[in-house]
């Protein structure tokens, strides 16, 4: 028996022969254009080995190895697999996918799972911890602003505790969102989600849309996702409790801690009810996008200001408003990550009532929303200049303007690809650039707000 399966660059099954149907237990109708080859492997093997197999196949022209697969009934079987790159339009043209030839064998195959794989499984694959940068950069921007504005304006321990608390809260929100998306059938109905695959060195194998896919890969159970979300929430409460105690100790007053608690609680509620009922903000035609903007923008920077400041922050003071303004570009750039990641998920989202702006306006019309958010982000960034000049002695206006222009141009490249390929798999390059843009802008602001070394 020899199974022959072809797939595209993201692993979506394109063809399967009769022996493949018998070996894996699925009919052609269940698989072609709907499922990915990762369905046949244990989640840990997908994380640890599959990317390497494909990379070696690309380098050598083919790659053979022994592994075990899982059929439709959940039964393991040992196999020899040979993977070769495919070129639908000829080898002189870009690669279009892979062909896997699988032959069952009697030999018992054991694949040791490395500690690094277990770490990646929990820290990134299940929790999507890598995307917590969207929460951390606004905090670091506030810290950099305070460092540039004067000496000892923020407490280093408070900054560490604030960062840890936000990471755990972000992870908890991710897990709650995954739980409710699986419960509502959104992730199960999604066959067109994007995975970075080998398209990105930095984000290789990362899920860009369609949730973490951790439940679908068998990395964690549905109930286990909810349990882990609750544990992360408990850790968040513990860390932030220490943060607030430290804030009171540093400032000698309760006001900063109370304001930070109110802002953090509001952000946490928004994160939870993004997919949770009865609010399910993502289904309310724009409220989901607004929620992301507020949570990862003004609320994040304002909460960070209260949490890490060494002195009492008065409501509606200059620093209060500056913190709000600092959050606007960060929040908008993070919103664009969510916005463009909704493109491949549109069909499944619409079928389960997840009525975000892409569903509301349609993929073609919604392209302009990306450009609007992108442009607004950098306009709001440029409008920060007077406030930065008045508060940061080392602030360099020219460097800030040039940096914004370069980053905006990078964002325009992502938009142009979106404009051309809004309904194609090539859109993934815009998804990746949108993530990179948020990271680059975060790094840029952290540096440019504190140019003491120039």
Protein backbone atom coordinates (compact mmCIF):
# COMPACT_ATOMS: atom_id res chain seq x y z
CA UNK A 1 0.00 0.00 0.00
CA UNK A 2 1.41 3.37 -1.04
CA UNK A 3 -0.30 6.63 -0.11
CA UNK A 4 0.36 9.63 -2.35
CA UNK A 5 -0.81 13.02 -1.11
CA UNK A 6 -0.06 16.44 -2.55
CA UNK A 7 -0.57 19.70 -0.72
CA UNK A 8 0.05 23.40 -1.23
CA UNK A 9 2.72 25.42 0.55
CA UNK A 10 0.56 25.71 3.67
CA UNK A 11 -0.22 21.99 3.84
CA UNK A 12 -3.77 22.16 2.46
CA UNK A 13 -4.43 18.80 0.79
CA UNK A 14 -4.88 19.02 -2.98
CA UNK A 15 -4.95 15.36 -4.02
CA UNK A 16 -4.98 11.93 -2.39
CA UNK A 17 -4.91 8.53 -4.06
CA UNK A 18 -7.16 5.55 -3.13
CA UNK A 19 -4.42 3.94 -1.03
CA UNK A 20 -4.14 7.19 0.93
CA UNK A 21 -7.87 7.11 1.65
CA UNK A 22 -7.58 3.53 2.92
CA UNK A 23 -4.45 4.12 4.95
CA UNK A 24 -5.62 7.26 6.74
CA UNK A 25 -9.32 6.36 6.85
CA UNK A 26 -10.66 9.57 5.30
CA UNK A 27 -12.51 9.98 2.04
CA UNK A 28 -11.19 12.33 -0.61
CA UNK A 29 -14.24 14.58 -0.08
CA UNK A 30 -13.35 15.02 3.60
CA UNK A 31 -9.81 16.14 2.88
CA UNK A 32 -9.22 17.86 -0.45
CA UNK A 33 -9.30 21.62 -0.09
CA UNK A 34 -10.50 21.33 3.52
CA UNK A 35 -7.87 19.70 5.73
CA UNK A 36 -4.10 19.94 6.11
CA UNK A 37 -1.54 17.19 6.27
CA UNK A 38 -0.83 18.12 9.90
CA UNK A 39 -4.10 16.29 10.63
CA UNK A 40 -2.23 12.97 10.33
CA UNK A 41 0.56 13.69 12.83
CA UNK A 42 0.67 14.19 16.59
CA UNK A 43 0.83 17.87 17.52
CA UNK A 44 4.29 17.57 19.09
CA UNK A 45 5.67 16.04 15.88
CA UNK A 46 4.15 18.86 13.85
CA UNK A 47 5.91 21.41 16.07
CA UNK A 48 9.24 19.58 16.31
CA UNK A 49 9.74 17.79 12.99
CA UNK A 50 7.48 18.83 10.13
CA UNK A 51 9.10 22.22 9.50
CA UNK A 52 12.53 20.56 9.41
CA UNK A 53 11.28 17.82 7.04
CA UNK A 54 9.96 20.41 4.60
CA UNK A 55 13.08 22.55 4.85
CA UNK A 56 15.30 19.52 4.13
CA UNK A 57 13.08 18.53 1.20
CA UNK A 58 13.53 22.01 -0.25
CA UNK A 59 17.31 21.89 0.15
CA UNK A 60 17.90 18.33 -1.07
CA UNK A 61 15.11 17.92 -3.58
CA UNK A 62 13.55 15.21 -1.42
CA UNK A 63 13.61 14.00 2.18
CA UNK A 64 12.86 10.55 3.59
CA UNK A 65 12.28 9.61 7.19
CA UNK A 66 10.42 7.22 9.45
CA UNK A 67 7.61 8.43 11.65
CA UNK A 68 4.18 7.42 12.87
CA UNK A 69 0.83 8.78 11.76
CA UNK A 70 -2.66 8.77 13.22
CA UNK A 71 -5.66 7.60 11.18
CA UNK A 72 -9.25 8.78 11.42
CA UNK A 73 -10.01 6.32 14.23
CA UNK A 74 -7.16 7.72 16.29
CA UNK A 75 -4.97 4.65 15.79
CA UNK A 76 -1.23 5.07 15.30
CA UNK A 77 0.63 3.32 12.50
CA UNK A 78 4.33 3.35 11.65
CA UNK A 79 5.42 4.54 8.23
CA UNK A 80 8.20 5.56 5.89
CA UNK A 81 7.55 8.90 4.20
CA UNK A 82 9.27 10.60 1.31
CA UNK A 83 8.62 14.31 0.80
CA UNK A 84 9.42 16.14 -2.43
CA UNK A 85 8.74 19.76 -3.44
CA UNK A 86 6.23 20.22 -6.27
CA UNK A 87 6.27 22.79 -9.07
CA UNK A 88 2.93 22.92 -10.87
CA UNK A 89 4.29 25.35 -13.46
CA UNK A 90 7.72 23.81 -13.90
CA UNK A 91 10.88 23.88 -11.77
CA UNK A 92 11.95 27.22 -13.18
CA UNK A 93 8.90 28.78 -11.52
CA UNK A 94 8.14 29.20 -7.80
CA UNK A 95 7.41 26.09 -5.75
CA UNK A 96 3.70 25.37 -5.33
CA UNK A 97 3.66 22.66 -2.67
CA UNK A 98 4.80 19.21 -1.61
CA UNK A 99 4.15 15.57 -2.40
CA UNK A 100 4.27 12.99 0.37
CA UNK A 101 4.55 9.27 -0.40
CA UNK A 102 3.76 7.16 2.66
CA UNK A 103 4.34 3.41 3.03
CA UNK A 104 3.33 1.61 6.25
CA UNK A 105 6.09 -0.41 7.95
CA UNK A 106 6.20 -3.02 10.72
CA UNK A 107 9.13 -1.42 12.54
CA UNK A 108 8.16 0.40 15.73
CA UNK A 109 8.99 4.08 15.33
CA UNK A 110 9.60 6.22 18.38
CA UNK A 111 10.18 9.95 18.08
CA UNK A 112 11.63 11.49 21.26
CA UNK A 113 10.05 14.82 22.06
CA UNK A 114 12.65 17.40 23.09
CA UNK A 115 12.29 19.74 26.04
CA UNK A 116 12.48 22.66 23.62
CA UNK A 117 9.44 21.27 21.79
CA UNK A 118 7.49 20.99 25.04
CA UNK A 119 8.45 24.58 25.85
CA UNK A 120 7.35 25.81 22.42
CA UNK A 121 4.13 23.81 22.73
CA UNK A 122 3.08 25.54 25.95
CA UNK A 123 4.72 28.96 25.58
CA UNK A 124 3.82 29.59 21.94
CA UNK A 125 1.63 26.98 20.22
CA UNK A 126 -1.10 26.70 22.88
CA UNK A 127 -0.98 30.15 24.44
CA UNK A 128 0.22 32.16 21.39
CA UNK A 129 2.68 33.77 23.77
CA UNK A 130 4.74 35.18 20.93
CA UNK A 131 2.03 37.72 20.20
CA UNK A 132 2.30 39.25 23.67
CA UNK A 133 4.70 41.73 22.06
CA UNK A 134 1.55 43.62 21.09
CA UNK A 135 0.97 44.19 24.83
CA UNK A 136 4.56 44.76 25.85
CA UNK A 137 5.64 47.45 23.39
CA UNK A 138 3.06 50.02 24.57
CA UNK A 139 4.32 49.48 28.13
CA UNK A 140 7.94 49.83 27.05
CA UNK A 141 7.05 52.99 25.11
CA UNK A 142 5.67 54.57 28.29
CA UNK A 143 8.78 53.52 30.22
CA UNK A 144 11.03 54.94 27.48
CA UNK A 145 9.07 58.18 27.49
CA UNK A 146 9.45 58.52 31.27
CA UNK A 147 13.16 57.66 31.02
CA UNK A 148 13.61 60.36 28.40
CA UNK A 149 11.55 62.90 30.35
CA UNK A 150 13.63 62.74 33.53
CA UNK A 151 15.38 60.67 36.17
CA UNK A 152 13.66 58.12 38.41
CA UNK A 153 10.19 58.75 36.93
CA UNK A 154 9.35 55.05 36.89
CA UNK A 155 10.16 52.16 39.20
CA UNK A 156 12.11 49.28 37.53
CA UNK A 157 10.47 46.62 39.72
CA UNK A 158 7.03 47.98 38.86
CA UNK A 159 7.94 47.83 35.17
CA UNK A 160 8.95 44.16 35.48
CA UNK A 161 5.81 43.27 37.43
CA UNK A 162 3.60 45.25 35.05
CA UNK A 163 5.11 43.47 32.05
CA UNK A 164 4.66 40.05 33.64
CA UNK A 165 1.08 40.81 34.65
CA UNK A 166 0.20 41.98 31.14
CA UNK A 167 1.81 38.90 29.55
CA UNK A 168 -0.24 36.56 31.75
CA UNK A 169 -3.42 38.57 31.13
CA UNK A 170 -2.82 38.53 27.37
CA UNK A 171 -2.22 34.77 27.43
CA UNK A 172 -5.37 34.25 29.49
CA UNK A 173 -7.35 36.28 26.95
CA UNK A 174 -5.89 34.23 24.09
CA UNK A 175 -6.91 31.00 25.80
CA UNK A 176 -10.43 32.22 26.63
CA UNK A 177 -10.83 33.37 23.02
CA UNK A 178 -9.69 29.97 21.74
CA UNK A 179 -12.06 28.19 24.11
CA UNK A 180 -15.09 30.18 22.97
CA UNK A 181 -14.15 30.03 19.28
CA UNK A 182 -13.95 26.23 19.50
CA UNK A 183 -17.17 26.11 21.50
CA UNK A 184 -19.00 28.27 18.93
CA UNK A 185 -17.66 26.10 16.09
CA UNK A 186 -15.70 28.95 14.52
CA UNK A 187 -12.30 27.24 14.58
CA UNK A 188 -13.74 23.88 13.57
CA UNK A 189 -15.38 25.41 10.50
CA UNK A 190 -12.22 27.24 9.47
CA UNK A 191 -10.33 25.52 6.65
CA UNK A 192 -8.65 28.60 5.17
CA UNK A 193 -6.65 29.92 8.13
CA UNK A 194 -3.08 31.12 7.63
CA UNK A 195 0.01 29.47 9.11
CA UNK A 196 3.35 31.22 8.64
CA UNK A 197 4.95 27.89 7.70
CA UNK A 198 8.36 28.47 6.09
CA UNK A 199 7.40 31.95 4.87
CA UNK A 200 9.00 33.59 7.90
CA UNK A 201 12.18 32.84 9.82
CA UNK A 202 11.00 34.82 12.84
CA UNK A 203 7.47 33.37 12.90
CA UNK A 204 8.13 29.96 11.33
CA UNK A 205 5.17 27.67 11.94
CA UNK A 206 3.17 30.29 13.83
CA UNK A 207 -0.61 30.44 13.49
CA UNK A 208 -1.53 33.82 12.03
CA UNK A 209 -5.28 33.35 11.94
CA UNK A 210 -7.93 30.84 12.91
CA UNK A 211 -6.91 30.68 16.56
CA UNK A 212 -4.04 28.62 17.91
CA UNK A 213 -5.35 25.33 16.38
CA UNK A 214 -4.02 23.69 19.58
CA UNK A 215 -7.24 21.77 20.19
CA UNK A 216 -7.41 20.65 16.56
CA UNK A 217 -3.78 19.43 16.71
CA UNK A 218 -4.43 17.55 19.94
CA UNK A 219 -1.96 19.66 21.92
CA UNK A 220 -4.58 20.36 24.56
CA UNK A 221 -8.23 19.48 25.11
CA UNK A 222 -11.07 21.96 24.84
CA UNK A 223 -11.71 21.76 28.60
CA UNK A 224 -7.97 21.94 29.21
CA UNK A 225 -7.90 25.25 27.34
CA UNK A 226 -10.49 26.70 29.72
CA UNK A 227 -8.67 25.33 32.75
CA UNK A 228 -5.35 26.82 31.62
CA UNK A 229 -7.03 30.17 30.91
CA UNK A 230 -8.36 30.29 34.47
CA UNK A 231 -4.93 29.41 35.88
CA UNK A 232 -3.30 32.17 33.86
CA UNK A 233 -5.94 34.58 35.17
CA UNK A 234 -5.14 33.56 38.76
CA UNK A 235 -1.42 34.14 38.11
CA UNK A 236 -2.32 37.55 36.62
CA UNK A 237 -4.17 38.48 39.81
CA UNK A 238 -1.25 37.38 41.99
CA UNK A 239 1.36 39.28 39.97
CA UNK A 240 -0.71 42.45 39.73
CA UNK A 241 -1.43 42.31 43.47
CA UNK A 242 2.32 42.44 44.12
CA UNK A 243 2.58 45.24 41.55
CA UNK A 244 -0.05 47.34 43.32
CA UNK A 245 1.56 46.76 46.72
CA UNK A 246 4.86 47.91 45.27
CA UNK A 247 3.19 50.94 43.71
CA UNK A 248 1.77 51.98 47.08
CA UNK A 249 5.18 51.44 48.69
CA UNK A 250 6.98 53.52 46.02
CA UNK A 251 4.50 56.42 45.77
CA UNK A 252 3.27 56.42 49.37
CA UNK A 253 -0.35 56.63 48.12
CA UNK A 254 -3.09 54.33 46.86
CA UNK A 255 -4.30 56.43 43.93
CA UNK A 256 -1.94 55.07 41.23
CA UNK A 257 -2.70 51.49 42.23
CA UNK A 258 -6.46 52.11 42.22
CA UNK A 259 -6.43 53.81 38.81
CA UNK A 260 -4.21 51.06 37.36
CA UNK A 261 -6.59 48.45 38.78
CA UNK A 262 -9.62 50.12 37.19
CA UNK A 263 -7.92 50.42 33.80
CA UNK A 264 -6.54 46.87 33.95
CA UNK A 265 -9.91 45.44 34.97
CA UNK A 266 -11.60 47.21 32.07
CA UNK A 267 -8.96 45.90 29.63
CA UNK A 268 -9.35 42.38 31.01
CA UNK A 269 -13.13 42.50 30.60
CA UNK A 270 -12.77 43.65 27.01
CA UNK A 271 -10.30 40.84 26.30
CA UNK A 272 -12.60 38.22 27.83
CA UNK A 273 -15.80 39.38 26.16
CA UNK A 274 -14.11 39.75 22.78
CA UNK A 275 -15.38 36.22 22.00
CA UNK A 276 -17.27 35.29 25.18
CA UNK A 277 -21.03 35.56 25.34
CA UNK A 278 -23.28 37.37 25.99
CA UNK A 279 -21.36 40.37 24.61
CA UNK A 280 -19.17 38.58 22.05
CA UNK A 281 -17.83 41.91 20.82
CA UNK A 282 -16.25 40.39 17.72
CA UNK A 283 -19.72 39.66 16.36
CA UNK A 284 -20.94 43.25 16.66
CA UNK A 285 -19.72 44.82 13.41
CA UNK A 286 -16.80 46.97 14.49
CA UNK A 287 -17.00 46.74 18.27
CA UNK A 288 -14.43 43.95 18.20
CA UNK A 289 -11.94 46.10 16.32
CA UNK A 290 -12.65 49.02 18.66
CA UNK A 291 -12.10 46.74 21.65
CA UNK A 292 -8.70 45.65 20.34
CA UNK A 293 -7.69 49.27 19.69
CA UNK A 294 -8.59 50.35 23.21
CA UNK A 295 -7.11 47.29 24.94
CA UNK A 296 -3.78 47.35 23.12
CA UNK A 297 -3.59 51.13 22.81
CA UNK A 298 -4.80 53.91 25.13
CA UNK A 299 -5.88 51.59 27.96
CA UNK A 300 -2.55 49.76 27.86
CA UNK A 301 -0.40 52.89 27.94
CA UNK A 302 -2.56 54.67 30.51
CA UNK A 303 -2.62 51.63 32.80
CA UNK A 304 1.14 51.27 32.44
CA UNK A 305 1.66 54.92 33.38
CA UNK A 306 -0.27 54.50 36.62
CA UNK A 307 1.35 51.13 37.36
CA UNK A 308 5.04 51.98 36.89
CA UNK A 309 5.27 55.67 37.87
CA UNK A 310 7.39 56.57 40.87
CA UNK A 311 5.15 59.48 41.76
CA UNK A 312 1.41 60.07 41.88
CA UNK A 313 -0.23 60.66 38.50
CA UNK A 314 -3.11 63.10 38.62
CA UNK A 315 -6.17 62.45 36.51
CA UNK A 316 -6.27 64.62 33.35
CA UNK A 317 -2.72 65.86 33.94
CA UNK A 318 -0.27 66.39 31.07
CA UNK A 319 1.24 62.93 31.56
CA UNK A 320 -2.23 61.40 31.70
CA UNK A 321 -3.06 62.79 28.24
CA UNK A 322 0.37 61.99 26.81
CA UNK A 323 -0.03 58.35 27.91
CA UNK A 324 -3.39 58.21 26.11
CA UNK A 325 -1.87 59.72 22.97
CA UNK A 326 1.10 57.34 23.05
CA UNK A 327 -1.34 54.44 22.94
CA UNK A 328 -3.15 55.52 19.78
CA UNK A 329 -0.57 54.46 17.12
CA UNK A 330 0.26 51.27 19.03
CA UNK A 331 -3.41 50.38 19.34
CA UNK A 332 -4.12 51.06 15.66
CA UNK A 333 -1.17 49.01 14.41
CA UNK A 334 -2.24 46.08 16.60
CA UNK A 335 -5.81 46.48 15.34
CA UNK A 336 -4.50 46.12 11.78
CA UNK A 337 -2.94 42.77 12.74
CA UNK A 338 -6.35 41.55 13.85
CA UNK A 339 -7.99 43.20 10.83
CA UNK A 340 -5.88 41.52 8.16
CA UNK A 341 -5.84 38.18 9.99
CA UNK A 342 -9.63 38.13 9.67
CA UNK A 343 -9.38 37.90 5.86
CA UNK A 344 -8.66 34.16 5.58
CA UNK A 345 -11.17 33.44 8.35
CA UNK A 346 -14.05 35.37 6.79
CA UNK A 347 -16.14 32.46 5.50
CA UNK A 348 -16.01 30.44 8.72
CA UNK A 349 -16.47 33.56 10.84
CA UNK A 350 -19.57 34.60 8.89
CA UNK A 351 -21.05 31.11 9.18
CA UNK A 352 -20.82 31.25 12.98
CA UNK A 353 -22.00 34.84 13.45
CA UNK A 354 -18.56 36.37 13.97
CA UNK A 355 -19.52 39.56 12.16
CA UNK A 356 -16.36 41.64 12.19
CA UNK A 357 -15.66 44.42 9.69
CA UNK A 358 -14.34 42.12 6.94
CA UNK A 359 -17.57 40.12 7.08
CA UNK A 360 -19.60 43.34 7.25
CA UNK A 361 -18.05 45.12 4.26
CA UNK A 362 -16.78 42.13 2.28
CA UNK A 363 -13.14 41.38 1.51
CA UNK A 364 -12.87 43.71 -1.47
CA UNK A 365 -14.40 46.80 0.12
CA UNK A 366 -12.69 46.17 3.45
CA UNK A 367 -9.26 46.67 1.88
CA UNK A 368 -9.63 50.43 2.36
CA UNK A 369 -10.20 49.92 6.08
CA UNK A 370 -6.65 48.59 6.37
CA UNK A 371 -5.26 51.69 4.65
CA UNK A 372 -7.38 53.97 6.84
CA UNK A 373 -6.14 52.33 10.05
CA UNK A 374 -2.54 52.36 8.80
CA UNK A 375 -2.68 56.03 7.80
CA UNK A 376 -4.40 57.07 11.03
CA UNK A 377 -1.75 55.26 13.06
CA UNK A 378 1.12 57.23 11.52
CA UNK A 379 -0.77 60.53 11.46
CA UNK A 380 -1.39 60.11 15.19
CA UNK A 381 2.29 59.24 15.63
CA UNK A 382 3.44 62.42 13.85
CA UNK A 383 1.00 64.48 15.93
CA UNK A 384 2.91 63.34 19.02
CA UNK A 385 5.90 65.49 18.05
CA UNK A 386 5.00 68.69 20.00
CA UNK A 387 4.37 66.69 23.18
CA UNK A 388 7.60 64.76 22.79
CA UNK A 389 9.63 67.92 22.10
CA UNK A 390 8.24 69.59 25.23
CA UNK A 391 8.95 66.64 27.53
CA UNK A 392 12.05 64.82 26.22
CA UNK A 393 15.26 66.86 26.09
CA UNK A 394 17.06 64.33 23.87
CA UNK A 395 14.15 63.94 21.43
CA UNK A 396 15.21 64.27 17.79
CA UNK A 397 12.34 65.41 15.58
CA UNK A 398 14.08 64.57 12.30
CA UNK A 399 14.89 61.00 13.31
CA UNK A 400 11.30 60.54 14.47
CA UNK A 401 9.83 61.85 11.19
CA UNK A 402 12.20 59.81 9.00
CA UNK A 403 11.48 56.67 11.01
CA UNK A 404 7.74 57.16 10.67
CA UNK A 405 8.03 57.71 6.92
CA UNK A 406 10.08 54.53 6.45
CA UNK A 407 7.71 52.47 8.58
CA UNK A 408 4.64 53.89 6.83
CA UNK A 409 6.20 52.99 3.46
CA UNK A 410 6.71 49.44 4.74
CA UNK A 411 3.04 49.36 5.73
CA UNK A 412 2.07 50.58 2.25
CA UNK A 413 3.88 47.58 0.74
CA UNK A 414 1.66 45.34 2.87
CA UNK A 415 -1.42 47.26 1.71
CA UNK A 416 -0.48 47.02 -1.97
CA UNK A 417 -0.19 43.24 -1.65
CA UNK A 418 -3.52 43.19 0.20
CA UNK A 419 -5.10 45.28 -2.55
CA UNK A 420 -3.95 42.80 -5.21
CA UNK A 421 -4.31 39.51 -3.35
CA UNK A 422 -7.15 40.10 -0.88
CA UNK A 423 -8.80 36.82 -1.88
CA UNK A 424 -5.66 34.74 -2.50
CA UNK A 425 -3.21 32.79 -0.37
CA UNK A 426 -0.46 35.25 -1.34
CA UNK A 427 -2.10 37.61 1.13
CA UNK A 428 -0.09 35.86 3.84
CA UNK A 429 2.89 38.11 3.03
CA UNK A 430 0.80 41.13 4.07
CA UNK A 431 -0.22 39.39 7.29
CA UNK A 432 3.43 38.83 8.15
CA UNK A 433 4.46 42.39 7.26
CA UNK A 434 1.64 43.78 9.42
CA UNK A 435 2.96 41.85 12.41
CA UNK A 436 6.51 42.96 11.70
CA UNK A 437 5.37 46.58 11.35
CA UNK A 438 3.89 46.58 14.85
CA UNK A 439 7.12 45.12 16.22
CA UNK A 440 9.34 47.55 14.29
CA UNK A 441 7.29 50.56 15.41
CA UNK A 442 7.45 49.38 19.02
CA UNK A 443 11.21 49.00 18.89
CA UNK A 444 11.56 52.35 17.13
CA UNK A 445 9.58 54.27 19.75
CA UNK A 446 11.45 52.66 22.63
CA UNK A 447 14.74 53.84 21.13
CA UNK A 448 13.71 57.26 19.82
CA UNK A 449 12.03 58.34 23.08
CA UNK A 450 15.30 57.96 24.93
CA UNK A 451 18.18 59.04 22.68
CA UNK A 452 20.46 59.86 25.60
CA UNK A 453 23.31 57.99 23.89
CA UNK A 454 23.48 60.40 20.92
